[in-house]
Each structure stands twice: as structure tokens, then as C-alpha cells.
Amino acid sequence: EVRQGWGMTEMSPLGTFGALKGNQLDLDDEAKLDIQVRQGRGLFGVEMCIVDEDGNQLPRDGVTSGFLKVRGPWVTNGYFRRNDSILDDENWFDTGDIAKIYPDGFLQLTDRAKDVIKSGGEWISSMDLENEAMGCPGVMEAAVIGAYHPKWDERPLLIVVADDPAPTKEAILAYLAEKVAKWWLPDDVVFVDELPHTATGKVQKTALRQQFKDYVLPTAG
């Protein structure tokens, strides 16, 4: 049996573990899976909260997304050869993640704060869009970044490495239209031979943002 967990080096390192609560053990398999795909509940001693851009705490309703903060006795308060504390006045550490917290305490990460797309005052998860795009037949790899838009500030740009035969842009957008809200749909799809990766295999979003920094969306005209 595989169970999810989540943590960071700054948390020494584990912060959550995906063990079901007693009242969840009798749920049907589908309901259990819906819980188990989340990142788990905070371990003893670990506190978590989500906040808005002004630092106000947000509800733990499983719907609202916010900046994830953690605190606890083994959460580090600084980095090597840095004299400043990395904690705020209430000893919260900003993880750099966007997340939801459910009423039962389970955490669900939705994006990195630097990767989330802010469109017309609303947040679009690049991670969720990528995961959905990867389910489209013919899509080998996908990355989503925010591209400048004169009205909405940013809109999603989907960058795809395609299999052979390659799907068309229209086929990908039609597939996504059945998976995500209309306003989440990418404004364009770009095909590339490969995506840049870090040494650990993660897509280098910074490199993609630099590569497409002057890209003009077809909806921006």
C-alpha cells in the first residue's frame, strides 16, 4: 500500500502523512482514493495554514487556495551563513507553495507560488492544467506558464512535447474543455521538441518563462 507524504528540507523533512482517519476507513474505495491522493495530514507538532496576499488566514474548506505556511519546533528558522530569520513574527515559515486545506486537516498542494497563473484576479493552477493535459492522447509532456495579456494580466500558455502522431491544438483544447473550467483553458498551445529540465528531472519553468517572455497570445490582439 502506497501512502502520500509531504515535507521540505526546512521541515527536517517530513510535514504530513496520508493516513486515513478512523471515520474514513469505512468509505468506499473511490471516496478513499479522493482523500489519499492529497498530501496528508500534519504530523504531531506541525501546524499549517493558508493565507491570502495580505497575510490574512483563509478558511480550511477544501475549496479556497492560498499561500501555505507551516510552523513547528523542528521547522528551521534560518539558513547557513545567513543572519536573518526566515520566519515571520508569529514563527510561520512560507513554503512557497499554493495549497488547500480540508476541514479534516488534509493538505492538497495545487501549485508553486511562482508558477501559479494570476488571471483577472483569479488563480489558475499550472500543475492541475499540466496533469490534465498529460491525459490527452498524443501528449508526452506538458508545461503551463503565464503569458502576458493586456486585459487579464496573465493567461495560460500550454507548451507540449507531442508523440507521433501528434494531436492538433484544437484536439488538445477540446479535450481540456471537458476537464477544466472554461476560463482555465489555455489561450494557446505551442509544440516543442523538448522541455528544459533540472538535474532532478523537474521542468525548468524559469527557462520557459524566459524563452516565451515576448510571446504574443492570439487573444491579446
Protein backbone atom coordinates (compact mmCIF):
# COMPACT_ATOMS: atom_id res chain seq x y z
CA GLU A 1 0.00 0.00 0.00
CA VAL A 2 1.34 3.41 -1.03
CA ARG A 3 0.61 6.45 1.11
CA GLN A 4 1.47 10.03 0.34
CA GLY A 5 3.53 12.32 2.48
CA TRP A 6 4.96 15.78 2.03
CA GLY A 7 7.75 17.81 3.53
CA MET A 8 10.74 20.04 2.90
CA THR A 9 14.35 20.16 3.97
CA GLU A 10 13.37 23.14 6.13
CA MET A 11 10.91 20.88 7.99
CA SER A 12 13.53 18.24 8.83
CA PRO A 13 11.97 16.99 6.46
CA LEU A 14 8.51 15.38 6.87
CA GLY A 15 5.44 17.55 7.46
CA THR A 16 2.40 15.47 6.53
CA PHE A 17 1.42 11.83 6.15
CA GLY A 18 -1.59 10.42 4.31
CA ALA A 19 -3.08 8.04 6.88
CA LEU A 20 -6.89 7.92 6.82
CA LYS A 21 -8.78 8.95 9.93
CA GLY A 22 -10.90 6.39 11.75
CA ASN A 23 -14.18 7.72 10.38
CA GLN A 24 -12.80 7.46 6.81
CA LEU A 25 -11.88 3.76 6.90
CA ASP A 26 -15.41 2.62 6.02
CA LEU A 27 -15.71 4.86 2.95
CA ASP A 28 -15.94 3.21 -0.47
CA ASP A 29 -12.75 2.84 -2.50
CA GLU A 30 -13.43 5.88 -4.69
CA ALA A 31 -14.03 8.15 -1.71
CA LYS A 32 -10.90 6.83 -0.01
CA LEU A 33 -8.82 7.43 -3.13
CA ASP A 34 -10.09 11.01 -3.33
CA ILE A 35 -8.59 11.58 0.12
CA GLN A 36 -5.43 9.51 -0.38
CA VAL A 37 -4.30 11.48 -3.46
CA ARG A 38 -3.92 14.53 -1.22
CA GLN A 39 -0.65 15.15 0.62
CA GLY A 40 -1.88 14.01 4.03
CA ARG A 41 -2.47 15.48 7.49
CA GLY A 42 0.05 17.41 9.52
CA LEU A 43 2.24 15.32 11.80
CA PHE A 44 2.12 15.88 15.56
CA GLY A 45 3.75 19.23 16.29
CA VAL A 46 3.31 20.59 12.75
CA GLU A 47 0.85 23.43 12.21
CA MET A 48 -0.31 24.54 8.77
CA CYS A 49 -2.34 27.46 7.46
CA ILE A 50 -3.07 29.16 4.16
CA VAL A 51 -3.10 32.94 3.76
CA ASP A 52 -4.01 35.49 1.13
CA GLU A 53 -1.65 38.04 -0.41
CA ASP A 54 -2.12 40.32 2.61
CA GLY A 55 -1.27 37.59 5.09
CA ASN A 56 -4.84 37.00 6.29
CA GLN A 57 -5.62 33.39 7.15
CA LEU A 58 -8.07 31.67 4.80
CA PRO A 59 -10.70 29.01 5.58
CA ARG A 60 -9.85 25.31 5.72
CA ASP A 61 -12.75 24.39 3.44
CA GLY A 62 -11.03 22.31 0.75
CA VAL A 63 -12.02 24.92 -1.85
CA THR A 64 -10.06 28.08 -1.05
CA SER A 65 -6.43 28.18 -2.17
CA GLY A 66 -3.76 30.29 -0.53
CA PHE A 67 -0.08 30.61 0.28
CA LEU A 68 0.94 27.69 2.51
CA LYS A 69 2.72 28.42 5.78
CA VAL A 70 3.97 25.95 8.38
CA ARG A 71 5.42 26.13 11.87
CA GLY A 72 6.66 23.73 14.48
CA PRO A 73 9.55 23.03 16.85
CA TRP A 74 11.70 21.44 14.14
CA VAL A 75 10.95 23.91 11.34
CA THR A 76 14.20 25.77 10.74
CA ASN A 77 14.39 29.48 11.47
CA GLY A 78 17.29 30.29 9.15
CA TYR A 79 19.80 29.22 6.55
CA PHE A 80 23.53 28.57 6.78
CA ARG A 81 25.62 31.78 6.74
CA ARG A 82 22.51 33.97 6.85
CA ASN A 83 21.88 36.01 9.97
CA ASP A 84 18.26 36.91 9.23
CA SER A 85 15.32 34.76 10.32
CA ILE A 86 13.17 33.20 7.61
CA LEU A 87 10.14 33.11 9.90
CA ASP A 88 7.53 35.83 10.30
CA ASP A 89 6.58 37.49 13.58
CA GLU A 90 4.38 34.53 14.53
CA ASN A 91 7.07 31.96 13.61
CA TRP A 92 5.35 30.87 10.39
CA PHE A 93 7.55 29.67 7.51
CA ASP A 94 6.40 30.50 3.97
CA THR A 95 6.81 27.28 1.95
CA GLY A 96 6.44 28.94 -1.45
CA ASP A 97 3.52 26.62 -2.25
CA ILE A 98 -0.12 27.23 -3.07
CA ALA A 99 -2.44 24.81 -1.30
CA LYS A 100 -5.90 23.97 0.01
CA ILE A 101 -6.58 22.59 3.47
CA TYR A 102 -9.69 20.48 4.02
CA PRO A 103 -11.88 20.55 7.15
CA ASP A 104 -10.47 17.14 8.12
CA GLY A 105 -6.94 18.61 8.08
CA PHE A 106 -5.76 17.03 4.83
CA LEU A 107 -3.47 19.16 2.69
CA GLN A 108 -3.62 19.42 -1.09
CA LEU A 109 -0.83 21.23 -2.93
CA THR A 110 -2.06 22.94 -6.08
CA ASP A 111 0.99 24.82 -7.37
CA ARG A 112 4.19 26.65 -6.59
CA ALA A 113 3.53 30.31 -5.78
CA LYS A 114 5.94 31.42 -8.51
CA ASP A 115 4.16 29.23 -11.09
CA VAL A 116 0.51 29.92 -10.38
CA ILE A 117 -1.16 31.98 -13.12
CA LYS A 118 -2.95 35.12 -11.91
CA SER A 119 -5.61 35.92 -14.46
CA GLY A 120 -8.08 38.72 -13.85
CA GLY A 121 -7.63 38.45 -10.10
CA GLU A 122 -8.21 34.68 -10.06
CA TRP A 123 -5.64 31.90 -9.69
CA ILE A 124 -5.16 29.12 -12.23
CA SER A 125 -3.06 26.14 -11.17
CA SER A 126 -0.39 25.38 -13.76
CA MET A 127 0.11 22.00 -12.08
CA ASP A 128 -3.53 20.95 -12.45
CA LEU A 129 -3.60 22.08 -16.08
CA GLU A 130 -0.42 20.13 -16.83
CA ASN A 131 -1.80 16.99 -15.21
CA GLU A 132 -4.98 17.20 -17.26
CA ALA A 133 -3.07 17.91 -20.48
CA MET A 134 -0.88 14.86 -19.90
CA GLY A 135 -4.02 12.72 -20.09
CA CYS A 136 -4.72 13.85 -23.66
CA PRO A 137 -3.83 11.18 -26.26
CA GLY A 138 -0.60 12.09 -28.03
CA VAL A 139 0.73 14.42 -25.32
CA MET A 140 4.05 13.10 -23.98
CA GLU A 141 4.91 16.04 -21.74
CA ALA A 142 3.29 19.35 -20.92
CA ALA A 143 4.16 22.57 -19.14
CA VAL A 144 1.99 25.61 -18.45
CA ILE A 145 3.27 29.13 -17.87
CA GLY A 146 1.61 32.51 -17.62
CA ALA A 147 1.86 34.68 -20.72
CA TYR A 148 1.19 38.42 -20.69
CA HIS A 149 -2.32 39.53 -21.57
CA PRO A 150 -3.31 43.22 -21.77
CA LYS A 151 -6.75 42.65 -20.21
CA TRP A 152 -6.27 39.73 -17.83
CA ASP A 153 -2.59 40.34 -16.85
CA GLU A 154 -1.75 36.69 -17.48
CA ARG A 155 -3.30 33.82 -19.38
CA PRO A 156 -2.19 30.16 -19.58
CA LEU A 157 0.16 29.13 -22.36
CA LEU A 158 0.39 25.36 -22.80
CA ILE A 159 3.72 24.03 -24.09
CA VAL A 160 3.58 20.47 -25.36
CA VAL A 161 6.01 17.73 -26.38
CA ALA A 162 3.93 15.53 -28.67
CA ASP A 163 4.05 11.86 -29.54
CA ASP A 164 3.73 10.52 -33.08
CA PRO A 165 1.10 11.05 -34.39
CA ALA A 166 0.86 14.45 -32.79
CA PRO A 167 -2.50 15.81 -31.65
CA THR A 168 -3.65 19.13 -33.06
CA LYS A 169 -4.02 22.23 -30.93
CA GLU A 170 -7.76 22.01 -31.44
CA ALA A 171 -7.85 18.40 -30.24
CA ILE A 172 -5.95 19.28 -27.06
CA LEU A 173 -8.18 22.26 -26.28
CA ALA A 174 -11.32 20.18 -26.94
CA TYR A 175 -10.01 17.51 -24.56
CA LEU A 176 -9.27 20.09 -21.86
CA ALA A 177 -12.67 21.74 -22.32
CA GLU A 178 -14.21 18.59 -20.81
CA LYS A 179 -11.80 18.59 -17.86
CA VAL A 180 -11.46 22.17 -16.61
CA ALA A 181 -13.46 25.36 -16.25
CA LYS A 182 -13.77 27.43 -19.43
CA TRP A 183 -11.74 30.32 -18.02
CA TRP A 184 -8.89 27.87 -17.22
CA LEU A 185 -8.47 26.86 -20.87
CA PRO A 186 -5.06 27.82 -22.31
CA ASP A 187 -5.17 30.74 -24.71
CA ASP A 188 -2.70 28.96 -26.96
CA VAL A 189 -0.81 25.70 -27.40
CA VAL A 190 2.81 25.63 -28.55
CA PHE A 191 4.59 22.45 -29.68
CA VAL A 192 8.29 21.97 -28.90
CA ASP A 193 10.75 19.11 -29.38
CA GLU A 194 11.69 19.01 -25.70
CA LEU A 195 11.27 20.83 -22.41
CA PRO A 196 14.17 22.06 -20.28
CA HIS A 197 14.70 20.07 -17.08
CA THR A 198 16.66 20.43 -13.88
CA ALA A 199 19.17 17.82 -12.72
CA THR A 200 16.37 16.23 -10.67
CA GLY A 201 14.02 15.98 -13.66
CA LYS A 202 11.73 18.91 -12.90
CA VAL A 203 10.63 21.16 -15.75
CA GLN A 204 12.53 24.44 -15.64
CA LYS A 205 9.69 26.94 -15.63
CA THR A 206 12.14 29.82 -15.25
CA ALA A 207 13.78 28.87 -18.56
CA LEU A 208 10.40 28.58 -20.26
CA ARG A 209 9.27 31.97 -18.97
CA GLN A 210 12.46 33.49 -20.35
CA GLN A 211 12.06 31.70 -23.68
CA PHE A 212 8.45 32.85 -24.13
CA LYS A 213 8.65 36.25 -22.39
CA ASP A 214 7.81 38.09 -25.61
CA TYR A 215 5.23 35.59 -26.84
CA VAL A 216 2.06 37.26 -28.10
CA LEU A 217 -1.10 35.30 -27.38
CA PRO A 218 -3.67 35.17 -30.20
CA THR A 219 -6.23 36.55 -27.73
CA ALA A 220 -4.08 39.56 -26.85
CA GLY A 221 -4.59 41.47 -30.05
